[in-house]
Amino acid sequence: WKKGIEQPLVVVMENAFHGRTLGTMAASDGPSVRLGFQRLPGDFIKVGFGDMAALEALTAQFGTRIAAVLLEPIQGESGVLVAPSGYL
C-alpha cells in the first residue's frame, strides 16, 4: 500500500493455501482457513490456477492497480496440482 495505489488489488488462486500467518490466511481460498480472519485492506481477486488467459484479462482490465499475485508453483491444498508449462 506504500506504492500509493488508491485501491490495490491482490490476485490469488482458487483452491490455494498461502501459509499460516495472519496475512496469508486472509488471502487463502479455503473458508475453514479464513474463519475468524478479516480480509486485508484492498481487494482480492481469485482466478483459476494455471489460467493464463484469466491473468492476462485481469492485467488488461486493472493494470497498475494489481499490487501482487500470490501463487504456489505446486498446489498442495487441493491435491498435487503442478502449474502448466510456461505459467510461471
Protein backbone atom coordinates (compact mmCIF):
# COMPACT_ATOMS: atom_id res chain seq x y z
CA TRP A 1 0.00 0.00 0.00
CA LYS A 2 3.07 2.21 0.20
CA LYS A 3 3.12 2.46 -3.59
CA GLY A 4 0.27 4.96 -3.46
CA ILE A 5 -2.21 2.75 -5.30
CA GLU A 6 -5.62 4.06 -4.28
CA GLN A 7 -7.42 0.70 -4.45
CA PRO A 8 -4.75 -2.01 -4.69
CA LEU A 9 -5.70 -5.47 -5.88
CA VAL A 10 -4.10 -8.77 -4.95
CA VAL A 11 -4.61 -11.72 -7.28
CA VAL A 12 -4.91 -15.11 -5.57
CA MET A 13 -5.54 -18.57 -6.97
CA GLU A 14 -8.66 -20.66 -6.44
CA ASN A 15 -8.14 -23.57 -4.01
CA ALA A 16 -4.88 -22.04 -2.80
CA PHE A 17 -3.30 -22.12 0.63
CA HIS A 18 -0.74 -19.38 1.23
CA GLY A 19 0.51 -20.12 4.74
CA ARG A 20 -0.26 -19.69 8.43
CA THR A 21 0.48 -16.01 9.01
CA LEU A 22 -2.37 -13.55 9.50
CA GLY A 23 -1.95 -12.03 6.05
CA THR A 24 -1.59 -15.27 4.14
CA MET A 25 -4.51 -16.92 5.91
CA ALA A 26 -6.71 -13.96 4.96
CA ALA A 27 -5.63 -14.43 1.33
CA SER A 28 -6.18 -18.21 1.20
CA ASP A 29 -9.19 -19.59 -0.65
CA GLY A 30 -10.44 -22.17 1.86
CA PRO A 31 -13.28 -20.88 4.07
CA SER A 32 -12.12 -23.02 7.01
CA VAL A 33 -8.64 -21.44 6.80
CA ARG A 34 -10.09 -17.91 6.67
CA LEU A 35 -12.57 -18.49 9.51
CA GLY A 36 -12.05 -15.75 12.08
CA PHE A 37 -9.81 -13.64 9.83
CA GLN A 38 -10.83 -10.48 8.04
CA ARG A 39 -9.63 -9.82 4.54
CA LEU A 40 -6.64 -7.49 4.36
CA PRO A 41 -7.01 -3.91 3.11
CA GLY A 42 -7.53 -3.79 -0.61
CA ASP A 43 -9.37 -6.24 -2.76
CA PHE A 44 -8.56 -9.84 -3.55
CA ILE A 45 -9.43 -11.35 -6.91
CA LYS A 46 -9.47 -15.12 -7.37
CA VAL A 47 -8.54 -16.77 -10.65
CA GLY A 48 -8.22 -20.40 -11.63
CA PHE A 49 -4.81 -21.95 -11.01
CA GLY A 50 -2.93 -22.18 -14.29
CA ASP A 51 -5.39 -19.95 -16.17
CA MET A 52 -3.02 -17.62 -18.00
CA ALA A 53 -5.85 -16.12 -20.06
CA ALA A 54 -7.59 -15.03 -16.83
CA LEU A 55 -4.38 -13.41 -15.54
CA GLU A 56 -3.89 -11.59 -18.83
CA ALA A 57 -7.51 -10.39 -18.77
CA LEU A 58 -7.07 -9.07 -15.21
CA THR A 59 -3.90 -7.26 -16.22
CA ALA A 60 -5.69 -5.67 -19.17
CA GLN A 61 -8.67 -4.69 -17.00
CA PHE A 62 -6.91 -3.47 -13.84
CA GLY A 63 -3.35 -2.68 -14.96
CA THR A 64 -1.33 -0.88 -12.30
CA ARG A 65 -3.95 -1.49 -9.59
CA ILE A 66 -2.59 -5.05 -9.31
CA ALA A 67 -0.13 -4.83 -6.44
CA ALA A 68 0.68 -8.55 -6.09
CA VAL A 69 -0.01 -12.06 -7.35
CA LEU A 70 0.11 -14.88 -4.79
CA LEU A 71 0.52 -18.39 -6.12
CA GLU A 72 2.12 -21.72 -5.41
CA PRO A 73 4.17 -23.49 -8.11
CA ILE A 74 2.53 -26.71 -6.89
CA GLN A 75 -0.83 -26.51 -5.16
CA GLY A 76 -0.89 -28.98 -2.30
CA GLU A 77 -4.13 -27.98 -0.58
CA SER A 78 -6.30 -29.17 -3.47
CA GLY A 79 -4.22 -32.22 -4.39
CA VAL A 80 -0.88 -32.11 -6.10
CA LEU A 81 -1.55 -29.69 -8.94
CA VAL A 82 1.51 -28.59 -10.90
CA ALA A 83 1.43 -25.30 -12.78
CA PRO A 84 1.24 -25.79 -16.56
CA SER A 85 4.42 -25.38 -18.57
CA GLY A 86 5.12 -21.69 -19.22
CA TYR A 87 2.74 -20.50 -16.49
CA LEU A 88 5.43 -19.29 -14.11
